[in-house]
Amino acid sequence: MKLRPRRPPASMRKRVILTLVFCALLALVGRSILGDRGLFEVWRKKSAFQQISSEVQALRTENASLRKEVDALQHDPQSIERIAREKLGYARPGEITFVFREDDPTRTASTSGD
């Protein structure tokens, strides 16, 4: 007579299978939240994308402003004259320019008590 190995009861097999399925689901959920492409990483990437998008928009605005300034300097003599007067201190022949210097706040505070 041959002896057959004892098989665990059906309820025990169901428990083992359910435990394995639960562990697999738990691992999948954990990976979907914490993994390389998980929920937290998606949030970080979305935040970085929004920050970069706002930087790009600011740079586009600045580029448009600079393009207008370049165009004005290439074609508008008044713009060239304004820059020459403001930044270089130029004046037309016969004009008198006045240069006002700002007082040093530390100097005026120390001399006011004299």
N, C-alpha and C. Protein backbone atom coordinates (compact mmCIF):
# COMPACT_ATOMS: atom_id res chain seq x y z
N MET A 1 0.82 -1.15 0.00
CA MET A 1 0.00 0.00 0.00
C MET A 1 0.89 1.25 0.00
N LYS A 2 0.53 2.14 -0.92
CA LYS A 2 1.30 3.36 -1.07
C LYS A 2 0.68 4.46 -0.24
N LEU A 3 1.55 5.19 0.43
CA LEU A 3 1.07 6.32 1.23
C LEU A 3 1.19 7.61 0.42
N ARG A 4 0.15 8.32 0.40
CA ARG A 4 0.17 9.61 -0.29
C ARG A 4 0.56 10.68 0.72
N PRO A 5 1.33 11.68 0.23
CA PRO A 5 1.65 12.77 1.16
C PRO A 5 0.37 13.52 1.51
N ARG A 6 0.37 13.98 2.70
CA ARG A 6 -0.81 14.69 3.18
C ARG A 6 -0.88 16.07 2.56
N ARG A 7 -1.99 16.43 2.08
CA ARG A 7 -2.20 17.75 1.52
C ARG A 7 -2.81 18.61 2.60
N PRO A 8 -2.38 19.86 2.64
CA PRO A 8 -2.99 20.72 3.64
C PRO A 8 -4.46 20.90 3.33
N PRO A 9 -5.22 21.21 4.33
CA PRO A 9 -6.64 21.41 4.07
C PRO A 9 -6.87 22.58 3.11
N ALA A 10 -8.00 22.59 2.47
CA ALA A 10 -8.33 23.61 1.48
C ALA A 10 -8.34 25.01 2.08
N SER A 11 -8.79 25.15 3.31
CA SER A 11 -8.81 26.48 3.94
C SER A 11 -7.39 27.01 4.14
N MET A 12 -6.44 26.14 4.41
CA MET A 12 -5.05 26.57 4.60
C MET A 12 -4.48 27.04 3.26
N ARG A 13 -4.78 26.34 2.18
CA ARG A 13 -4.30 26.74 0.86
C ARG A 13 -4.90 28.09 0.48
N LYS A 14 -6.15 28.29 0.77
CA LYS A 14 -6.79 29.58 0.47
C LYS A 14 -6.12 30.70 1.24
N ARG A 15 -5.78 30.45 2.48
CA ARG A 15 -5.10 31.48 3.29
C ARG A 15 -3.74 31.82 2.70
N VAL A 16 -3.00 30.81 2.31
CA VAL A 16 -1.67 31.05 1.73
C VAL A 16 -1.80 31.84 0.43
N ILE A 17 -2.74 31.44 -0.41
CA ILE A 17 -2.95 32.15 -1.68
C ILE A 17 -3.40 33.58 -1.43
N LEU A 18 -4.32 33.77 -0.52
CA LEU A 18 -4.77 35.13 -0.19
C LEU A 18 -3.63 35.97 0.38
N THR A 19 -2.80 35.37 1.22
CA THR A 19 -1.66 36.10 1.78
C THR A 19 -0.69 36.50 0.68
N LEU A 20 -0.41 35.59 -0.26
CA LEU A 20 0.49 35.92 -1.36
C LEU A 20 -0.11 37.02 -2.26
N VAL A 21 -1.40 36.93 -2.54
CA VAL A 21 -2.06 37.95 -3.35
C VAL A 21 -2.03 39.29 -2.63
N PHE A 22 -2.29 39.29 -1.34
CA PHE A 22 -2.26 40.53 -0.55
C PHE A 22 -0.86 41.14 -0.55
N CYS A 23 0.16 40.31 -0.38
CA CYS A 23 1.55 40.82 -0.39
C CYS A 23 1.90 41.40 -1.76
N ALA A 24 1.45 40.73 -2.83
CA ALA A 24 1.73 41.23 -4.17
C ALA A 24 1.03 42.57 -4.41
N LEU A 25 -0.22 42.67 -3.98
CA LEU A 25 -0.95 43.94 -4.12
C LEU A 25 -0.30 45.04 -3.29
N LEU A 26 0.12 44.70 -2.09
CA LEU A 26 0.79 45.67 -1.23
C LEU A 26 2.08 46.16 -1.87
N ALA A 27 2.83 45.25 -2.47
CA ALA A 27 4.08 45.64 -3.16
C ALA A 27 3.77 46.53 -4.36
N LEU A 28 2.74 46.21 -5.12
CA LEU A 28 2.38 47.04 -6.27
C LEU A 28 1.94 48.44 -5.86
N VAL A 29 1.13 48.51 -4.81
CA VAL A 29 0.67 49.82 -4.33
C VAL A 29 1.86 50.62 -3.80
N GLY A 30 2.73 49.97 -3.06
CA GLY A 30 3.92 50.67 -2.54
C GLY A 30 4.79 51.19 -3.66
N ARG A 31 4.98 50.36 -4.69
CA ARG A 31 5.81 50.81 -5.81
C ARG A 31 5.14 51.93 -6.59
N SER A 32 3.81 51.88 -6.72
CA SER A 32 3.13 52.93 -7.46
C SER A 32 3.15 54.26 -6.71
N ILE A 33 3.32 54.22 -5.42
CA ILE A 33 3.38 55.45 -4.64
C ILE A 33 4.82 55.92 -4.48
N LEU A 34 5.74 55.01 -4.16
CA LEU A 34 7.10 55.39 -3.82
C LEU A 34 8.13 55.10 -4.91
N GLY A 35 7.76 54.44 -5.98
CA GLY A 35 8.71 54.02 -6.99
C GLY A 35 9.24 55.16 -7.84
N ASP A 36 10.06 54.78 -8.83
CA ASP A 36 10.68 55.77 -9.73
C ASP A 36 9.64 56.57 -10.49
N ARG A 37 8.54 55.95 -10.81
CA ARG A 37 7.47 56.65 -11.50
C ARG A 37 6.23 56.72 -10.62
N GLY A 38 6.45 56.75 -9.34
CA GLY A 38 5.36 56.74 -8.39
C GLY A 38 4.69 58.09 -8.23
N LEU A 39 3.71 58.11 -7.38
CA LEU A 39 2.89 59.30 -7.17
C LEU A 39 3.72 60.48 -6.66
N PHE A 40 4.61 60.24 -5.70
CA PHE A 40 5.42 61.34 -5.17
C PHE A 40 6.36 61.91 -6.23
N GLU A 41 6.92 61.01 -7.06
CA GLU A 41 7.80 61.48 -8.12
C GLU A 41 7.02 62.30 -9.15
N VAL A 42 5.80 61.90 -9.45
CA VAL A 42 4.95 62.66 -10.38
C VAL A 42 4.67 64.04 -9.82
N TRP A 43 4.39 64.13 -8.54
CA TRP A 43 4.15 65.44 -7.91
C TRP A 43 5.39 66.31 -7.99
N ARG A 44 6.57 65.72 -7.71
CA ARG A 44 7.82 66.50 -7.79
C ARG A 44 8.05 67.00 -9.21
N LYS A 45 7.86 66.12 -10.18
CA LYS A 45 8.07 66.51 -11.58
C LYS A 45 7.08 67.59 -12.01
N LYS A 46 5.84 67.48 -11.54
CA LYS A 46 4.83 68.48 -11.89
C LYS A 46 5.21 69.84 -11.31
N SER A 47 5.69 69.85 -10.08
CA SER A 47 6.11 71.09 -9.45
C SER A 47 7.30 71.70 -10.19
N ALA A 48 8.26 70.86 -10.56
CA ALA A 48 9.42 71.35 -11.30
C ALA A 48 9.00 71.88 -12.67
N PHE A 49 8.06 71.20 -13.31
CA PHE A 49 7.56 71.64 -14.61
C PHE A 49 6.91 73.01 -14.52
N GLN A 50 6.09 73.21 -13.48
CA GLN A 50 5.43 74.51 -13.31
C GLN A 50 6.44 75.61 -13.06
N GLN A 51 7.47 75.32 -12.26
CA GLN A 51 8.50 76.32 -11.99
C GLN A 51 9.25 76.67 -13.27
N ILE A 52 9.63 75.67 -14.03
CA ILE A 52 10.36 75.91 -15.27
C ILE A 52 9.48 76.64 -16.28
N SER A 53 8.20 76.30 -16.32
CA SER A 53 7.28 76.99 -17.24
C SER A 53 7.18 78.47 -16.91
N SER A 54 7.13 78.80 -15.63
CA SER A 54 7.06 80.21 -15.26
C SER A 54 8.37 80.92 -15.59
N GLU A 55 9.51 80.23 -15.42
CA GLU A 55 10.79 80.83 -15.80
C GLU A 55 10.85 81.07 -17.30
N VAL A 56 10.36 80.11 -18.08
CA VAL A 56 10.35 80.25 -19.53
C VAL A 56 9.49 81.44 -19.94
N GLN A 57 8.34 81.58 -19.30
CA GLN A 57 7.45 82.71 -19.63
C GLN A 57 8.12 84.04 -19.30
N ALA A 58 8.81 84.10 -18.15
CA ALA A 58 9.51 85.33 -17.78
C ALA A 58 10.62 85.64 -18.79
N LEU A 59 11.33 84.62 -19.24
CA LEU A 59 12.39 84.84 -20.22
C LEU A 59 11.82 85.26 -21.58
N ARG A 60 10.68 84.70 -21.94
CA ARG A 60 10.05 85.12 -23.20
C ARG A 60 9.63 86.59 -23.13
N THR A 61 9.10 87.00 -22.00
CA THR A 61 8.72 88.40 -21.83
C THR A 61 9.95 89.30 -21.91
N GLU A 62 11.03 88.89 -21.25
CA GLU A 62 12.26 89.67 -21.28
C GLU A 62 12.83 89.73 -22.70
N ASN A 63 12.79 88.61 -23.42
CA ASN A 63 13.27 88.60 -24.81
C ASN A 63 12.47 89.54 -25.69
N ALA A 64 11.16 89.55 -25.51
CA ALA A 64 10.32 90.46 -26.30
C ALA A 64 10.69 91.91 -26.01
N SER A 65 10.91 92.22 -24.75
CA SER A 65 11.29 93.58 -24.37
C SER A 65 12.64 93.95 -24.98
N LEU A 66 13.58 93.02 -24.92
CA LEU A 66 14.90 93.29 -25.49
C LEU A 66 14.84 93.43 -27.00
N ARG A 67 13.99 92.64 -27.65
CA ARG A 67 13.83 92.78 -29.11
C ARG A 67 13.30 94.17 -29.47
N LYS A 68 12.33 94.65 -28.68
CA LYS A 68 11.79 95.99 -28.93
C LYS A 68 12.87 97.05 -28.74
N GLU A 69 13.68 96.87 -27.71
CA GLU A 69 14.75 97.84 -27.45
C GLU A 69 15.78 97.82 -28.57
N VAL A 70 16.15 96.62 -29.04
CA VAL A 70 17.11 96.51 -30.14
C VAL A 70 16.54 97.15 -31.40
N ASP A 71 15.29 96.89 -31.69
CA ASP A 71 14.65 97.48 -32.87
C ASP A 71 14.63 99.01 -32.76
N ALA A 72 14.32 99.51 -31.57
CA ALA A 72 14.30 100.96 -31.38
C ALA A 72 15.69 101.56 -31.56
N LEU A 73 16.70 100.88 -31.04
CA LEU A 73 18.06 101.40 -31.18
C LEU A 73 18.56 101.32 -32.62
N GLN A 74 18.04 100.40 -33.39
CA GLN A 74 18.46 100.29 -34.78
C GLN A 74 17.75 101.29 -35.69
N HIS A 75 16.52 101.67 -35.32
CA HIS A 75 15.73 102.47 -36.26
C HIS A 75 15.25 103.81 -35.71
N ASP A 76 15.32 104.05 -34.42
CA ASP A 76 14.75 105.26 -33.84
C ASP A 76 15.87 106.15 -33.29
N PRO A 77 16.14 107.28 -33.92
CA PRO A 77 17.22 108.17 -33.46
C PRO A 77 16.95 108.72 -32.05
N GLN A 78 15.69 108.90 -31.69
CA GLN A 78 15.40 109.42 -30.35
C GLN A 78 15.80 108.41 -29.27
N SER A 79 15.64 107.15 -29.55
CA SER A 79 16.06 106.13 -28.58
C SER A 79 17.58 106.15 -28.40
N ILE A 80 18.28 106.30 -29.50
CA ILE A 80 19.74 106.37 -29.43
C ILE A 80 20.17 107.58 -28.62
N GLU A 81 19.52 108.72 -28.87
CA GLU A 81 19.85 109.94 -28.12
C GLU A 81 19.53 109.78 -26.63
N ARG A 82 18.40 109.16 -26.32
CA ARG A 82 18.02 108.96 -24.91
C ARG A 82 19.06 108.11 -24.19
N ILE A 83 19.51 107.03 -24.82
CA ILE A 83 20.52 106.17 -24.21
C ILE A 83 21.83 106.93 -24.05
N ALA A 84 22.19 107.71 -25.06
CA ALA A 84 23.44 108.48 -24.98
C ALA A 84 23.38 109.50 -23.84
N ARG A 85 22.24 110.11 -23.64
CA ARG A 85 22.12 111.10 -22.57
C ARG A 85 22.09 110.42 -21.19
N GLU A 86 21.28 109.36 -21.06
CA GLU A 86 21.09 108.75 -19.75
C GLU A 86 22.31 107.96 -19.28
N LYS A 87 22.83 107.12 -20.16
CA LYS A 87 23.88 106.20 -19.73
C LYS A 87 25.28 106.73 -19.95
N LEU A 88 25.46 107.54 -20.98
CA LEU A 88 26.80 108.02 -21.30
C LEU A 88 27.02 109.46 -20.87
N GLY A 89 25.96 110.17 -20.51
CA GLY A 89 26.10 111.54 -20.04
C GLY A 89 26.37 112.53 -21.16
N TYR A 90 26.03 112.21 -22.39
CA TYR A 90 26.26 113.11 -23.51
C TYR A 90 25.24 114.24 -23.50
N ALA A 91 25.63 115.35 -24.14
CA ALA A 91 24.74 116.50 -24.30
C ALA A 91 24.99 117.11 -25.67
N ARG A 92 24.00 117.82 -26.16
CA ARG A 92 24.16 118.49 -27.44
C ARG A 92 25.06 119.71 -27.26
N PRO A 93 25.69 120.14 -28.34
CA PRO A 93 26.53 121.34 -28.23
C PRO A 93 25.69 122.53 -27.78
N GLY A 94 26.19 123.25 -26.80
CA GLY A 94 25.51 124.42 -26.29
C GLY A 94 24.59 124.12 -25.11
N GLU A 95 24.32 122.87 -24.81
CA GLU A 95 23.48 122.53 -23.68
C GLU A 95 24.31 122.52 -22.40
N ILE A 96 23.66 122.86 -21.33
CA ILE A 96 24.30 122.79 -20.02
C ILE A 96 23.65 121.63 -19.26
N THR A 97 24.50 120.75 -18.76
CA THR A 97 23.97 119.62 -18.00
C THR A 97 24.29 119.81 -16.52
N PHE A 98 23.35 119.45 -15.70
CA PHE A 98 23.54 119.50 -14.26
C PHE A 98 23.56 118.08 -13.73
N VAL A 99 24.56 117.81 -12.92
CA VAL A 99 24.68 116.49 -12.32
C VAL A 99 24.45 116.64 -10.83
N PHE A 100 23.45 115.97 -10.32
CA PHE A 100 23.14 116.02 -8.89
C PHE A 100 23.61 114.73 -8.25
N ARG A 101 24.36 114.84 -7.21
CA ARG A 101 24.80 113.64 -6.52
C ARG A 101 23.91 113.41 -5.31
N GLU A 102 23.75 112.18 -4.99
CA GLU A 102 22.93 111.85 -3.83
C GLU A 102 23.80 111.92 -2.59
N ASP A 103 23.22 112.45 -1.50
CA ASP A 103 23.97 112.51 -0.26
C ASP A 103 24.09 111.13 0.34
N ASP A 104 25.21 110.92 1.00
CA ASP A 104 25.44 109.64 1.68
C ASP A 104 24.67 109.68 2.99
N PRO A 105 23.72 108.76 3.24
CA PRO A 105 22.90 108.82 4.45
C PRO A 105 23.72 108.69 5.74
N THR A 106 24.81 107.98 5.70
CA THR A 106 25.64 107.86 6.92
C THR A 106 26.38 109.17 7.18
N ARG A 107 26.74 109.88 6.14
CA ARG A 107 27.46 111.13 6.29
C ARG A 107 26.53 112.22 6.83
N THR A 108 25.31 112.30 6.32
CA THR A 108 24.39 113.34 6.76
C THR A 108 23.95 113.09 8.20
N ALA A 109 23.85 111.85 8.61
CA ALA A 109 23.45 111.54 9.97
C ALA A 109 24.53 111.94 10.96
N SER A 110 25.79 111.78 10.58
CA SER A 110 26.87 112.12 11.51
C SER A 110 27.10 113.63 11.58
N THR A 111 26.81 114.38 10.50
CA THR A 111 27.05 115.81 10.53
C THR A 111 25.85 116.59 11.04
N SER A 112 24.67 115.94 11.18
CA SER A 112 23.50 116.68 11.63
C SER A 112 23.59 117.06 13.11
N GLY A 113 24.41 116.36 13.88
CA GLY A 113 24.52 116.68 15.29
C GLY A 113 25.52 117.76 15.58
N ASP A 114 26.22 118.30 14.58
CA ASP A 114 27.27 119.33 14.81
C ASP A 114 26.67 120.68 15.02
